Amino acid sequence: MSDTARTCYNCNNYFTSYFCGYNSSNCKIHGSLDVDQRERHPDTEAARCKDFEPKKPKKPETEEDRIERLTRALWPNGYRDKRGGSRHG
């Protein structure tokens, strides 16, 4: 499946949630897509959905972005550099 295909998976309103041992497909506007997949299926419903909003493509992560993301994960409240100043936070 391509990133540009018109499916629920490529819509801003689509999300999954882990429930009873499986990932359930949901829409922020229309609710559960798992109730009756003969009626509403994530692969086909977006073709006729009036509320379809395509996801914006993610920009590639730079080395600085990766370092910042990892730093915030390791030190969520910030950390002090050698001079005692706060790096972020």
C-alpha atoms as a PDB file:
ATOM      1  CA  MET A   1       0.000   0.000   0.000  1.00  0.00           C
ATOM      2  CA  SER A   2       1.471   3.349  -0.973  1.00  0.00           C
ATOM      3  CA  ASP A   3       1.588   6.400   1.276  1.00  0.00           C
ATOM      4  CA  THR A   4      -0.622   8.318  -1.152  1.00  0.00           C
ATOM      5  CA  ALA A   5      -3.428   5.757  -1.435  1.00  0.00           C
ATOM      6  CA  ARG A   6      -6.806   7.020  -0.245  1.00  0.00           C
ATOM      7  CA  THR A   7      -7.374   4.719   2.713  1.00  0.00           C
ATOM      8  CA  CYS A   8      -8.259   5.408   6.325  1.00  0.00           C
ATOM      9  CA  TYR A   9      -4.685   4.573   7.302  1.00  0.00           C
ATOM     10  CA  ASN A  10      -3.526   7.700   5.421  1.00  0.00           C
ATOM     11  CA  CYS A  11      -6.115  10.041   7.022  1.00  0.00           C
ATOM     12  CA  ASN A  12      -5.464  12.491   9.870  1.00  0.00           C
ATOM     13  CA  ASN A  13      -8.643  11.298  11.605  1.00  0.00           C
ATOM     14  CA  TYR A  14      -7.547   7.637  11.768  1.00  0.00           C
ATOM     15  CA  PHE A  15      -6.032   6.151  14.916  1.00  0.00           C
ATOM     16  CA  THR A  16      -5.641   2.751  16.513  1.00  0.00           C
ATOM     17  CA  SER A  17      -6.111   1.727  20.103  1.00  0.00           C
ATOM     18  CA  TYR A  18      -5.070  -1.470  21.812  1.00  0.00           C
ATOM     19  CA  PHE A  19      -8.183  -3.202  23.170  1.00  0.00           C
ATOM     20  CA  CYS A  20      -8.654  -6.760  24.429  1.00  0.00           C
ATOM     21  CA  GLY A  21      -5.476  -8.044  22.820  1.00  0.00           C
ATOM     22  CA  TYR A  22      -5.775  -6.460  19.368  1.00  0.00           C
ATOM     23  CA  ASN A  23      -5.454  -3.053  17.718  1.00  0.00           C
ATOM     24  CA  SER A  24      -8.857  -1.601  16.939  1.00  0.00           C
ATOM     25  CA  SER A  25      -9.224   0.792  13.999  1.00  0.00           C
ATOM     26  CA  ASN A  26     -10.983   4.060  14.836  1.00  0.00           C
ATOM     27  CA  CYS A  27     -11.908   7.364  13.258  1.00  0.00           C
ATOM     28  CA  LYS A  28     -12.062  10.605  15.264  1.00  0.00           C
ATOM     29  CA  ILE A  29     -15.232  11.571  13.386  1.00  0.00           C
ATOM     30  CA  HIS A  30     -17.038   8.307  12.599  1.00  0.00           C
ATOM     31  CA  GLY A  31     -15.970   6.130  15.534  1.00  0.00           C
ATOM     32  CA  SER A  32     -15.010   2.472  15.395  1.00  0.00           C
ATOM     33  CA  LEU A  33     -14.186   0.920  12.040  1.00  0.00           C
ATOM     34  CA  ASP A  34     -14.167  -2.582  13.553  1.00  0.00           C
ATOM     35  CA  VAL A  35     -17.879  -2.890  14.362  1.00  0.00           C
ATOM     36  CA  ASP A  36     -18.920  -4.421  11.057  1.00  0.00           C
ATOM     37  CA  GLN A  37     -16.147  -4.479   8.498  1.00  0.00           C
ATOM     38  CA  ARG A  38     -18.556  -5.500   5.761  1.00  0.00           C
ATOM     39  CA  GLU A  39     -20.125  -2.068   6.275  1.00  0.00           C
ATOM     40  CA  ARG A  40     -17.078   0.120   7.079  1.00  0.00           C
ATOM     41  CA  HIS A  41     -13.585  -1.184   6.395  1.00  0.00           C
ATOM     42  CA  PRO A  42     -10.432   0.965   6.746  1.00  0.00           C
ATOM     43  CA  ASP A  43      -9.154  -0.149   3.315  1.00  0.00           C
ATOM     44  CA  THR A  44     -12.243   0.971   1.394  1.00  0.00           C
ATOM     45  CA  GLU A  45     -14.225   3.494   3.471  1.00  0.00           C
ATOM     46  CA  ALA A  46     -11.957   6.464   2.720  1.00  0.00           C
ATOM     47  CA  ALA A  47     -12.828   6.321  -0.991  1.00  0.00           C
ATOM     48  CA  ARG A  48     -16.327   7.657  -0.247  1.00  0.00           C
ATOM     49  CA  CYS A  49     -15.647   9.560   2.989  1.00  0.00           C
ATOM     50  CA  LYS A  50     -16.375  13.305   2.830  1.00  0.00           C
ATOM     51  CA  ASP A  51     -14.232  13.960   5.919  1.00  0.00           C
ATOM     52  CA  PHE A  52     -11.017  12.420   4.523  1.00  0.00           C
ATOM     53  CA  GLU A  53      -7.954  14.562   5.361  1.00  0.00           C
ATOM     54  CA  PRO A  54      -4.685  13.207   3.933  1.00  0.00           C
ATOM     55  CA  LYS A  55      -1.775  13.016   6.343  1.00  0.00           C
ATOM     56  CA  LYS A  56       1.104  15.337   5.636  1.00  0.00           C
ATOM     57  CA  PRO A  57       4.301  13.491   4.758  1.00  0.00           C
ATOM     58  CA  LYS A  58       6.831  13.424   7.576  1.00  0.00           C
ATOM     59  CA  LYS A  59      10.029  15.338   6.994  1.00  0.00           C
ATOM     60  CA  PRO A  60      13.214  13.311   7.306  1.00  0.00           C
ATOM     61  CA  GLU A  61      14.753  13.471  10.770  1.00  0.00           C
ATOM     62  CA  THR A  62      18.060  15.333  10.883  1.00  0.00           C
ATOM     63  CA  GLU A  63      20.945  14.328  13.122  1.00  0.00           C
ATOM     64  CA  GLU A  64      20.227  17.328  15.389  1.00  0.00           C
ATOM     65  CA  ASP A  65      16.547  16.307  15.679  1.00  0.00           C
ATOM     66  CA  ARG A  66      17.553  12.758  16.617  1.00  0.00           C
ATOM     67  CA  ILE A  67      20.000  13.964  19.280  1.00  0.00           C
ATOM     68  CA  GLU A  68      17.406  16.354  20.727  1.00  0.00           C
ATOM     69  CA  ARG A  69      14.718  13.623  20.799  1.00  0.00           C
ATOM     70  CA  LEU A  70      17.052  11.167  22.539  1.00  0.00           C
ATOM     71  CA  THR A  71      18.261  13.827  25.000  1.00  0.00           C
ATOM     72  CA  ARG A  72      14.674  14.698  25.975  1.00  0.00           C
ATOM     73  CA  ALA A  73      13.888  10.994  26.411  1.00  0.00           C
ATOM     74  CA  LEU A  74      16.894  10.432  28.686  1.00  0.00           C
ATOM     75  CA  TRP A  75      16.600  13.710  30.642  1.00  0.00           C
ATOM     76  CA  PRO A  76      12.941  14.815  30.504  1.00  0.00           C
ATOM     77  CA  ASN A  77      13.556  17.667  32.994  1.00  0.00           C
ATOM     78  CA  GLY A  78      16.624  18.929  31.161  1.00  0.00           C
ATOM     79  CA  TYR A  79      20.240  18.538  32.129  1.00  0.00           C
ATOM     80  CA  ARG A  80      23.107  20.823  33.097  1.00  0.00           C
ATOM     81  CA  ASP A  81      26.063  21.396  30.849  1.00  0.00           C
ATOM     82  CA  LYS A  82      29.653  21.682  32.162  1.00  0.00           C
ATOM     83  CA  ARG A  83      29.170  25.334  33.103  1.00  0.00           C
ATOM     84  CA  GLY A  84      26.047  24.558  35.162  1.00  0.00           C
ATOM     85  CA  GLY A  85      23.618  26.093  32.696  1.00  0.00           C
ATOM     86  CA  SER A  86      20.464  24.317  31.642  1.00  0.00           C
ATOM     87  CA  ARG A  87      20.558  22.857  28.145  1.00  0.00           C
ATOM     88  CA  HIS A  88      16.754  22.828  27.753  1.00  0.00           C
ATOM     89  CA  GLY A  89      13.633  22.438  29.801  1.00  0.00           C
END
